[in-house]
Amino acid sequence: MTDTTVGVVLTPKSPPERLQEVAQAAEAAGIAQLWLWEDCFFEGGLTSATAALACTERLQVGIGLMPVPLRNPALAAMEIATVARLFPGRFRPGFGHGVLEWMEQVGARAASPMTLLREYTSAVRDLLHGRTVDVEGRYVKLRDVTLDWPPASPPPLLVGGRGPKTVRLAGELADGVILDAGQTPAQVREVFATAAEGRVGRVGEPFDNLVFVEIDASAPDLGARIDESVGTYAAAGADTVVFQALLDDPDPEPLIAALAKR
């Protein structure tokens, strides 16, 4: 056993109607976190997260991740602040570039995704911390914007990515980094080391190294595989390990049942 936080994913391959039963099952199983994806063109991340939080009492709910080209940063800050005030300490929003082809499909692709992510993350984080934002960036243009209802305790704002520039930006500006599934432990260790490079000057501030791990939920030795994965990725630097079922069989119930026995 480790002190690593463990979570489970409800992928958007499952219909929205399943959200509440899965969230309640995860909470009943003692799982710390439920993570949702805002993939185009499935389910809205903020609406889904709010529904999951509303039907549970202790479960933390994360969105990994919200594509920044899709929302004005002032609107994103307003929405995140509202959810955070309604459910203090339980919401974990994550930002990222989004799938660039999808962003182009909806007419929102940025010529410089890195510039957008930097400007966006900085502005939203400042707004959530009650600061007035006055910025004329390449993409983010806010004039004297202050939230009337910032959260008393701002939620941790994570950034997802695997490229070194994005990961370093997460270390510099965010409260954690989200790494998607499919990475070897060595690759995970390298990504987290890159995030640490971006945290120069932020030593001592909380930071969450989070990795998604895809696992065959039909495996007969599922519990042992989960324990092994938690240990392996914790040794690679993960603070949080979030399990997702194979995409061709996305039902999280077997994972929840196995995690309940840990």
Protein backbone atom coordinates (compact mmCIF):
# COMPACT_ATOMS: atom_id res chain seq x y z
CA MET A 1 0.00 0.00 0.00
CA THR A 2 1.09 3.57 -0.66
CA ASP A 3 -0.25 7.01 0.17
CA THR A 4 -0.92 7.58 -3.51
CA THR A 5 -4.41 8.87 -4.30
CA VAL A 6 -6.37 6.47 -6.51
CA GLY A 7 -9.21 7.36 -8.85
CA VAL A 8 -11.31 5.95 -11.66
CA VAL A 9 -12.49 7.32 -15.01
CA LEU A 10 -15.97 7.39 -16.45
CA THR A 11 -15.15 7.84 -20.12
CA PRO A 12 -17.55 9.66 -22.44
CA LYS A 13 -18.16 6.34 -24.18
CA SER A 14 -20.77 5.83 -21.45
CA PRO A 15 -24.03 7.79 -21.80
CA PRO A 16 -24.68 10.71 -19.43
CA GLU A 17 -27.53 8.77 -17.81
CA ARG A 18 -24.98 6.46 -16.14
CA LEU A 19 -23.10 9.29 -14.45
CA GLN A 20 -24.98 9.42 -11.16
CA GLU A 21 -24.99 5.68 -10.52
CA VAL A 22 -21.26 5.44 -11.29
CA ALA A 23 -20.44 8.43 -9.08
CA GLN A 24 -22.43 7.01 -6.19
CA ALA A 25 -20.87 3.56 -6.65
CA ALA A 26 -17.39 5.10 -6.63
CA GLU A 27 -18.14 6.98 -3.42
CA ALA A 28 -19.64 3.89 -1.77
CA ALA A 29 -16.48 1.96 -2.71
CA GLY A 30 -14.32 4.52 -0.92
CA ILE A 31 -12.62 5.70 -4.12
CA ALA A 32 -11.14 9.16 -3.69
CA GLN A 33 -11.67 10.60 -7.15
CA LEU A 34 -13.86 10.23 -10.24
CA TRP A 35 -12.47 11.73 -13.45
CA LEU A 36 -14.42 12.79 -16.53
CA TRP A 37 -13.27 13.69 -20.03
CA GLU A 38 -14.62 16.55 -22.10
CA ASP A 39 -14.10 14.93 -25.50
CA CYS A 40 -15.85 16.37 -28.55
CA PHE A 41 -18.70 15.71 -29.09
CA PHE A 42 -19.86 13.71 -26.13
CA GLU A 43 -20.68 15.33 -22.77
CA GLY A 44 -20.02 18.75 -21.28
CA GLY A 45 -17.35 18.51 -18.62
CA LEU A 46 -18.66 21.19 -16.28
CA THR A 47 -22.27 20.03 -16.39
CA SER A 48 -21.23 16.40 -15.86
CA ALA A 49 -18.91 17.26 -12.99
CA THR A 50 -21.63 19.31 -11.28
CA ALA A 51 -24.11 16.44 -11.59
CA ALA A 52 -21.59 13.97 -10.13
CA LEU A 53 -20.77 16.28 -7.23
CA ALA A 54 -24.44 16.97 -6.53
CA CYS A 55 -25.31 13.30 -6.04
CA THR A 56 -22.35 12.52 -3.76
CA GLU A 57 -21.01 13.89 -0.48
CA ARG A 58 -17.28 13.13 -0.31
CA LEU A 59 -16.16 12.15 -3.81
CA GLN A 60 -13.73 14.47 -5.57
CA VAL A 61 -14.54 15.00 -9.26
CA GLY A 62 -12.02 16.05 -11.88
CA ILE A 63 -12.21 17.01 -15.54
CA GLY A 64 -9.21 15.83 -17.49
CA LEU A 65 -9.39 17.94 -19.44
CA MET A 66 -11.29 21.05 -20.62
CA PRO A 67 -10.08 22.26 -24.06
CA VAL A 68 -9.20 25.92 -23.61
CA PRO A 69 -10.15 27.07 -27.14
CA LEU A 70 -13.82 26.27 -26.47
CA ARG A 71 -14.55 28.82 -23.70
CA ASN A 72 -13.79 32.42 -22.97
CA PRO A 73 -11.50 32.39 -19.90
CA ALA A 74 -13.79 34.73 -17.96
CA LEU A 75 -16.68 32.31 -18.48
CA ALA A 76 -14.49 29.35 -17.50
CA ALA A 77 -13.46 31.13 -14.30
CA MET A 78 -17.09 31.98 -13.49
CA GLU A 79 -18.19 28.38 -13.98
CA ILE A 80 -15.29 26.87 -12.04
CA ALA A 81 -15.78 29.34 -9.19
CA THR A 82 -19.48 28.48 -8.98
CA VAL A 83 -18.83 24.74 -8.82
CA ALA A 84 -16.01 25.22 -6.31
CA ARG A 85 -18.21 27.30 -4.01
CA LEU A 86 -21.06 24.81 -4.21
CA PHE A 87 -18.77 21.84 -3.49
CA PRO A 88 -15.72 23.12 -1.56
CA GLY A 89 -12.62 20.98 -1.78
CA ARG A 90 -14.12 18.46 -4.18
CA PHE A 91 -13.63 19.87 -7.69
CA ARG A 92 -10.44 19.38 -9.73
CA PRO A 93 -10.60 21.11 -13.13
CA GLY A 94 -7.95 20.45 -15.75
CA PHE A 95 -7.05 22.48 -18.84
CA GLY A 96 -5.37 21.46 -22.07
CA HIS A 97 -5.03 22.18 -25.77
CA GLY A 98 -7.76 19.73 -26.74
CA VAL A 99 -7.46 17.56 -29.83
CA LEU A 100 -6.35 20.05 -32.46
CA GLU A 101 -8.42 18.44 -35.23
CA TRP A 102 -11.55 18.82 -33.11
CA MET A 103 -10.68 22.41 -32.34
CA GLU A 104 -10.35 23.07 -36.06
CA GLN A 105 -13.63 21.27 -36.68
CA VAL A 106 -15.48 23.78 -34.49
CA GLY A 107 -13.56 26.79 -35.77
CA ALA A 108 -11.61 27.31 -32.56
CA ARG A 109 -8.09 26.09 -33.40
CA ALA A 110 -5.40 28.55 -32.30
CA ALA A 111 -2.38 29.25 -34.46
CA SER A 112 -0.24 29.04 -31.31
CA PRO A 113 -1.81 26.59 -28.84
CA MET A 114 1.00 27.14 -26.34
CA THR A 115 0.45 30.90 -26.26
CA LEU A 116 -3.26 30.38 -25.74
CA LEU A 117 -2.76 27.85 -22.95
CA ARG A 118 -0.27 30.10 -21.15
CA GLU A 119 -2.47 33.20 -21.35
CA TYR A 120 -5.62 31.26 -20.47
CA THR A 121 -4.23 29.35 -17.48
CA SER A 122 -2.67 32.47 -16.01
CA ALA A 123 -5.85 34.53 -16.39
CA VAL A 124 -8.20 31.90 -14.96
CA ARG A 125 -5.91 31.15 -12.03
CA ASP A 126 -5.69 34.85 -11.19
CA LEU A 127 -9.46 35.25 -11.38
CA LEU A 128 -10.07 32.23 -9.14
CA HIS A 129 -7.71 33.75 -6.57
CA GLY A 130 -9.79 36.93 -6.47
CA ARG A 131 -7.44 39.09 -8.50
CA THR A 132 -8.45 41.69 -11.05
CA VAL A 133 -7.26 40.75 -14.53
CA ASP A 134 -6.47 43.38 -17.10
CA VAL A 135 -4.64 41.81 -20.01
CA GLU A 136 -4.31 42.35 -23.74
CA GLY A 137 -2.72 39.13 -24.93
CA ARG A 138 -2.62 37.47 -28.29
CA TYR A 139 -5.73 35.44 -27.43
CA VAL A 140 -6.87 36.45 -23.94
CA LYS A 141 -8.23 39.98 -23.80
CA LEU A 142 -9.82 40.94 -20.48
CA ARG A 143 -10.45 44.48 -19.30
CA ASP A 144 -10.69 45.05 -15.56
CA VAL A 145 -12.33 41.66 -14.87
CA THR A 146 -12.87 40.51 -11.29
CA LEU A 147 -15.09 37.67 -10.11
CA ASP A 148 -17.84 38.78 -7.73
CA TRP A 149 -17.95 35.29 -6.20
CA PRO A 150 -14.45 33.81 -6.22
CA PRO A 151 -14.14 30.61 -4.18
CA ALA A 152 -12.89 31.04 -0.62
CA SER A 153 -10.45 28.23 -1.33
CA PRO A 154 -9.63 28.08 -5.06
CA PRO A 155 -9.62 24.56 -6.50
CA PRO A 156 -6.34 23.15 -7.79
CA LEU A 157 -6.05 23.96 -11.48
CA LEU A 158 -4.27 21.23 -13.44
CA VAL A 159 -2.86 21.26 -16.97
CA GLY A 160 -2.78 18.16 -19.16
CA GLY A 161 -0.19 17.29 -21.78
CA ARG A 162 2.83 15.19 -22.58
CA GLY A 163 5.04 17.48 -24.70
CA PRO A 164 7.87 19.13 -22.78
CA LYS A 165 6.68 22.70 -23.39
CA THR A 166 3.17 21.98 -22.12
CA VAL A 167 4.42 19.97 -19.15
CA ARG A 168 6.91 22.67 -18.20
CA LEU A 169 4.12 25.24 -18.41
CA ALA A 170 2.05 23.09 -16.03
CA GLY A 171 4.89 23.21 -13.55
CA GLU A 172 5.23 26.96 -13.95
CA LEU A 173 1.58 28.05 -13.77
CA ALA A 174 -0.69 25.23 -12.61
CA ASP A 175 -1.25 23.17 -9.46
CA GLY A 176 -0.61 19.85 -11.14
CA VAL A 177 0.00 18.03 -14.39
CA ILE A 178 -2.24 15.40 -16.01
CA LEU A 179 -0.56 12.71 -18.12
CA ASP A 180 -2.72 10.54 -20.34
CA ALA A 181 -2.55 6.75 -20.51
CA GLY A 182 -0.12 4.76 -22.62
CA GLN A 183 3.15 5.99 -21.08
CA THR A 184 5.79 3.68 -19.66
CA PRO A 185 6.97 4.28 -16.10
CA ALA A 186 10.23 5.68 -17.50
CA GLN A 187 8.30 8.14 -19.67
CA VAL A 188 6.11 9.10 -16.71
CA ARG A 189 9.19 9.78 -14.60
CA GLU A 190 10.63 11.96 -17.36
CA VAL A 191 7.41 13.96 -17.74
CA PHE A 192 7.19 14.62 -14.01
CA ALA A 193 10.83 15.69 -13.97
CA THR A 194 10.06 18.18 -16.75
CA ALA A 195 7.13 19.55 -14.75
CA ALA A 196 9.47 19.99 -11.81
CA GLU A 197 11.78 22.09 -13.98
CA GLY A 198 8.93 24.53 -14.50
CA ARG A 199 8.37 24.81 -10.76
CA VAL A 200 11.62 26.65 -10.05
CA GLY A 201 10.67 29.36 -7.59
CA ARG A 202 7.54 27.49 -6.48
CA VAL A 203 9.20 25.04 -4.11
CA GLY A 204 6.88 24.13 -1.27
CA GLU A 205 3.66 24.82 -3.16
CA PRO A 206 1.34 21.80 -3.52
CA PHE A 207 1.59 20.11 -6.91
CA ASP A 208 -0.19 16.97 -8.13
CA ASN A 209 1.57 14.60 -10.54
CA LEU A 210 -1.40 12.68 -11.99
CA VAL A 211 -1.29 9.83 -14.48
CA PHE A 212 -4.10 7.94 -16.20
CA VAL A 213 -3.52 4.19 -16.48
CA GLU A 214 -5.49 2.02 -18.89
CA ILE A 215 -6.18 -1.46 -17.57
CA ASP A 216 -8.13 -4.52 -18.69
CA ALA A 217 -11.07 -4.54 -16.29
CA SER A 218 -11.95 -8.12 -17.28
CA ALA A 219 -8.62 -9.57 -16.10
CA PRO A 220 -9.10 -12.26 -13.43
CA ASP A 221 -6.25 -10.83 -11.34
CA LEU A 222 -7.51 -7.24 -11.61
CA GLY A 223 -6.90 -6.38 -7.96
CA ALA A 224 -3.28 -7.50 -8.11
CA ARG A 225 -2.73 -5.59 -11.33
CA ILE A 226 -4.16 -2.44 -9.77
CA ASP A 227 -1.88 -2.75 -6.74
CA GLU A 228 1.14 -3.35 -8.96
CA SER A 229 0.31 -0.35 -11.15
CA VAL A 230 -0.16 1.94 -8.16
CA GLY A 231 3.23 0.92 -6.79
CA THR A 232 4.97 1.22 -10.15
CA TYR A 233 3.65 4.68 -10.99
CA ALA A 234 4.08 5.95 -7.44
CA ALA A 235 7.74 4.96 -7.73
CA ALA A 236 7.85 6.97 -10.97
CA GLY A 237 6.67 10.06 -9.13
CA ALA A 238 2.87 9.90 -9.39
CA ASP A 239 0.86 11.43 -6.57
CA THR A 240 -2.43 10.33 -8.15
CA VAL A 241 -3.11 7.23 -10.28
CA VAL A 242 -6.43 7.17 -12.13
CA PHE A 243 -7.58 3.92 -13.72
CA GLN A 244 -9.56 3.69 -16.92
CA ALA A 245 -11.04 0.61 -18.56
CA LEU A 246 -10.11 -0.31 -22.12
CA LEU A 247 -11.92 1.99 -24.55
CA ASP A 248 -13.61 -0.91 -26.36
CA ASP A 249 -15.09 -2.02 -23.02
CA PRO A 250 -15.44 1.22 -21.04
CA ASP A 251 -17.69 0.04 -18.19
CA PRO A 252 -15.99 1.23 -14.96
CA GLU A 253 -18.03 -1.00 -12.64
CA PRO A 254 -15.46 -3.87 -12.51
CA LEU A 255 -12.75 -1.33 -11.70
CA ILE A 256 -14.87 0.18 -8.96
CA ALA A 257 -15.53 -3.26 -7.48
CA ALA A 258 -11.84 -4.12 -7.53
CA LEU A 259 -10.82 -0.78 -6.03
CA ALA A 260 -13.38 -1.25 -3.25
CA LYS A 261 -11.37 -4.26 -2.02
CA ARG A 262 -8.09 -2.35 -1.62
